[in-house]
Protein backbone atom coordinates (compact mmCIF):
# COMPACT_ATOMS: atom_id res chain seq x y z
CA MET A 1 -147.51 114.78 196.52
CA ILE A 2 -145.36 117.24 195.43
CA LYS A 3 -143.52 117.87 198.19
CA THR A 4 -142.42 114.15 198.74
CA LYS A 5 -141.35 114.34 194.65
CA LEU A 6 -139.00 117.82 195.53
CA ILE A 7 -137.41 115.45 198.10
CA LYS A 8 -136.68 112.58 196.46
CA ILE A 9 -135.29 114.96 193.94
CA LEU A 10 -133.16 116.71 195.98
CA SER A 11 -131.97 112.94 197.32
CA THR A 12 -130.92 111.96 194.02
CA VAL A 13 -129.17 114.75 193.03
CA LEU A 14 -127.34 114.94 196.20
CA ILE A 15 -126.28 110.87 195.53
CA VAL A 16 -125.45 111.85 191.75
CA LEU A 17 -123.20 115.22 192.86
CA GLY A 18 -122.08 113.59 196.20
CA THR A 19 -120.40 110.56 194.16
CA ILE A 20 -119.28 112.90 191.02
CA ILE A 21 -117.14 113.91 193.66
CA LEU A 22 -116.02 110.80 194.69
CA LEU A 23 -114.94 109.75 192.13
CA VAL A 24 -113.05 112.59 190.85
CA VAL A 25 -111.70 112.84 194.27
CA PHE A 26 -110.57 109.49 194.14
CA THR A 27 -109.89 107.70 190.37
CA PRO A 28 -106.52 109.35 189.86
CA PRO A 29 -105.12 107.99 192.73
CA THR A 30 -106.85 104.71 192.28
CA ILE A 31 -105.35 104.62 189.14
CA GLU A 32 -101.90 104.86 189.69
CA GLU A 33 -102.33 101.87 192.83
CA ILE A 34 -103.87 99.50 189.72
CA ARG A 35 -100.99 100.54 187.65
CA PHE A 36 -98.24 99.91 190.59
CA ARG A 37 -99.37 96.64 191.34
CA TYR A 38 -100.31 95.19 187.79
CA HIS A 39 -96.42 95.71 187.48
CA GLN A 40 -95.36 94.68 191.32
CA ALA A 41 -97.29 91.47 190.12
CA ILE A 42 -95.96 91.18 186.91
CA GLY A 43 -92.29 91.83 188.08
CA THR A 44 -90.79 95.09 186.59
CA LEU A 45 -87.68 96.73 187.49
CA TYR A 46 -87.35 100.05 186.38
CA TYR A 47 -84.23 101.51 186.95
CA VAL A 48 -82.60 105.16 185.78
CA GLY A 49 -79.19 104.32 184.69
CA LYS A 50 -77.07 101.51 184.62
CA THR A 51 -78.10 98.94 186.71
CA ASP A 52 -75.98 95.18 187.59
CA ILE A 53 -79.41 93.28 188.55
CA GLU A 54 -80.29 90.37 186.39
CA ASN A 55 -82.68 87.54 185.88
CA ASP A 56 -83.28 85.95 189.20
CA GLY A 57 -83.53 82.01 188.54
CA ASP A 58 -87.09 81.79 186.98
CA ILE A 59 -88.51 84.76 188.33
CA PHE A 60 -88.91 86.95 185.55
CA ILE A 61 -87.73 90.31 185.59
CA LYS A 62 -88.58 92.33 183.16
CA ARG A 63 -86.34 95.62 183.25
CA GLN A 64 -86.87 99.16 182.18
CA GLU A 65 -84.61 102.03 182.03
CA ILE A 66 -86.48 105.50 182.96
CA ILE A 67 -85.34 108.32 180.88
CA PRO A 68 -85.14 111.62 183.11
CA GLN A 69 -87.71 114.39 181.79
CA ASP A 70 -85.15 117.07 183.56
CA THR A 71 -81.52 116.18 184.52
CA ASP A 72 -81.65 120.13 184.52
CA PHE A 73 -83.45 119.37 187.38
CA GLY A 74 -85.80 116.83 187.97
CA ILE A 75 -86.55 113.94 190.02
CA VAL A 76 -86.67 110.23 189.03
CA ILE A 77 -88.00 107.04 191.36
CA PRO A 78 -87.45 103.98 190.51
CA LYS A 79 -89.51 101.37 192.73
CA ILE A 80 -92.42 104.26 191.79
CA ASN A 81 -91.84 104.88 188.14
CA ALA A 82 -91.78 108.45 188.87
CA ASN A 83 -90.27 111.22 186.34
CA ALA A 84 -90.64 115.02 186.58
CA PRO A 85 -88.85 117.90 186.56
CA ILE A 86 -88.97 120.02 189.50
CA PHE A 87 -88.65 123.72 189.74
CA ALA A 88 -86.46 125.85 191.93
CA ASN A 89 -87.57 128.02 195.07
CA ILE A 90 -90.89 128.29 194.86
CA ASP A 91 -93.23 129.83 197.85
CA PRO A 92 -94.68 126.49 199.27
CA PHE A 93 -96.73 128.73 201.27
CA SER A 94 -97.60 130.98 198.14
CA GLU A 95 -101.13 129.40 196.13
CA ARG A 96 -100.68 131.67 194.00
CA GLU A 97 -97.49 130.37 192.75
CA PHE A 98 -97.28 127.36 193.50
CA LEU A 99 -100.61 125.93 192.22
CA PRO A 100 -99.42 126.12 188.76
CA ILE A 101 -95.96 124.78 189.01
CA LEU A 102 -98.24 121.64 190.34
CA ARG A 103 -99.36 121.00 187.09
CA LYS A 104 -96.26 120.54 185.39
CA GLY A 105 -94.30 118.99 187.76
CA VAL A 106 -92.33 119.08 191.18
CA ALA A 107 -92.26 122.15 192.77
CA HIS A 108 -88.80 122.86 195.29
CA ALA A 109 -89.51 124.71 198.33
CA LYS A 110 -87.86 128.63 198.40
CA ASN A 111 -84.46 128.84 200.79
CA SER A 112 -84.30 125.29 200.62
CA SER A 113 -80.81 123.68 199.86
CA PHE A 114 -79.32 122.06 196.73
CA PRO A 115 -78.30 118.98 195.66
CA GLY A 116 -74.89 118.35 196.61
CA HIS A 117 -75.10 121.42 199.68
CA GLY A 118 -75.46 119.70 202.68
CA SER A 119 -78.94 120.78 203.95
CA ASN A 120 -82.32 120.36 203.25
CA ILE A 121 -83.86 119.67 199.98
CA TYR A 122 -87.62 120.01 200.36
CA LEU A 123 -89.35 119.08 197.47
CA PHE A 124 -93.51 119.59 197.28
CA ALA A 125 -96.21 118.17 194.68
CA HIS A 126 -99.81 117.42 194.19
CA SER A 127 -101.58 119.70 196.49
CA ALA A 128 -104.80 121.16 195.43
CA SER A 129 -106.84 124.11 196.53
CA GLY A 130 -110.01 122.20 197.17
CA ILE A 131 -111.55 118.51 196.39
CA LEU A 132 -112.90 119.74 192.42
CA SER A 133 -109.16 121.24 191.88
CA ILE A 134 -107.21 118.09 192.41
CA LYS A 135 -107.64 116.43 188.23
CA GLN A 136 -106.10 119.48 187.53
CA TYR A 137 -102.84 118.51 189.43
CA ASN A 138 -99.67 115.92 188.79
CA ALA A 139 -100.19 112.44 189.99
CA VAL A 140 -96.07 112.36 190.21
CA PHE A 141 -96.37 112.06 194.51
CA TYR A 142 -99.57 109.57 194.71
CA LEU A 143 -97.39 106.74 195.42
CA ILE A 144 -94.79 108.19 197.48
CA ASN A 145 -96.50 106.46 200.43
CA LYS A 146 -94.79 102.94 199.44
CA LEU A 147 -91.12 103.37 199.42
CA GLU A 148 -89.53 102.04 202.27
CA LYS A 149 -86.14 102.24 204.15
CA ASN A 150 -83.56 102.51 201.35
CA ASP A 151 -85.79 103.20 198.84
CA GLU A 152 -83.62 105.24 195.79
CA ILE A 153 -84.33 108.49 194.99
CA VAL A 154 -82.79 109.88 192.11
CA ILE A 155 -82.16 113.89 191.38
CA TYR A 156 -81.01 115.07 188.80
CA TYR A 157 -79.89 118.97 188.94
CA LYS A 158 -76.96 120.54 186.58
CA GLU A 159 -76.56 117.41 184.50
CA LYS A 160 -75.29 115.59 187.71
CA PRO A 161 -77.25 112.63 189.35
CA TYR A 162 -77.46 112.82 193.19
CA SER A 163 -78.50 109.49 194.31
CA TYR A 164 -80.31 108.83 197.72
CA PHE A 165 -81.99 106.57 200.51
CA VAL A 166 -84.38 106.79 202.59
CA PHE A 167 -84.35 106.61 206.14
CA GLU A 168 -87.80 107.48 206.69
CA LYS A 169 -91.80 108.00 206.47
CA LYS A 170 -94.48 109.49 208.66
CA ILE A 171 -98.02 111.47 208.13
CA VAL A 172 -98.25 114.42 210.27
CA GLY A 173 -100.67 117.57 210.30
CA PHE A 174 -101.66 120.25 207.58
CA GLY A 175 -99.60 123.27 209.17
CA ALA A 176 -96.27 120.79 210.30
CA ILE A 177 -94.02 123.13 208.56
CA LYS A 178 -90.48 122.29 210.29
CA TYR A 179 -89.77 119.59 208.20
CA LEU A 180 -88.51 123.09 205.78
CA ASP A 181 -85.69 123.67 208.32
CA LYS A 182 -82.20 123.99 207.24
CA THR A 183 -80.12 121.31 208.47
CA ASN A 184 -76.79 120.59 209.49
CA GLU A 185 -76.39 117.60 206.87
CA GLU A 186 -78.12 116.43 203.84
CA ILE A 187 -81.31 115.52 203.76
CA LEU A 188 -83.79 115.21 200.85
CA THR A 189 -87.75 115.76 201.91
CA LEU A 190 -90.55 115.01 199.61
CA GLN A 191 -94.31 115.85 200.90
CA THR A 192 -97.06 115.69 199.16
CA CYS A 193 -101.00 115.47 200.35
CA TYR A 194 -102.68 112.32 202.35
CA PRO A 195 -104.69 110.41 202.24
CA PRO A 196 -104.07 110.50 197.82
CA GLY A 197 -106.56 113.30 196.29
CA THR A 198 -107.41 115.05 199.78
CA THR A 199 -105.58 117.96 202.01
CA LEU A 200 -106.79 116.33 204.78
CA GLN A 201 -102.83 115.83 206.15
CA ARG A 202 -99.29 114.99 204.55
CA LEU A 203 -97.19 112.60 203.85
CA ILE A 204 -93.17 113.45 204.54
CA VAL A 205 -89.87 110.93 203.37
CA LYS A 206 -86.86 112.01 204.24
CA ALA A 207 -83.97 110.56 202.16
CA LYS A 208 -80.07 111.11 202.50
CA PRO A 209 -77.18 110.26 200.55
CA ILE A 210 -75.52 107.34 200.91
CA GLU A 211 -72.59 108.43 202.60
CA ASN A 212 -74.75 110.14 205.09
CA LEU A 213 -76.92 106.84 206.31
CA ASP A 214 -76.02 104.91 209.75
CA ASN A 215 -77.37 101.97 209.03
CA ARG A 216 -78.27 100.13 205.22
């Protein structure tokens, strides 16, 4: 009798703990997903700087300007309303170094390039050392899986905007580090954990300046 009650209590505790863990892990990305779909449904058009896009006939477009958080080094992705400062020269292999940074914004990988320097600019965000720590980290890259070919990413560097356009998106293994390598042309590489709220894999989004794109 006592053993049966203990088993029931233990089962209930495990179910409750499992539910709490699922909420901690998946609530932030779910909120971001709902927000994204809502603004798509009502026709919100986010933009940075000047735009010549006007209302299209009877389709109402609510235009909303994004004011960059940091024009010395920052990122704006209009499609997903992402806007965050970038912290330069962060070691992507040192959790002690990059974890505090990811609470505040986006990390620029040490030894990778900078806008206008003609090589691979590697930025990463939204990482976690464990499932219970996921809510501590900035959600700026939760939605980069929504980016498609030709979507714009704007990097501000030393008060100057640099526009890049997506040409590739892929899911890679946890240990894939070749995307950190230097390149012979300017490429912007964004990396985040995937699926959102986990550390199982990596989502890589690559973009180029418009003049470097072959097929627009």
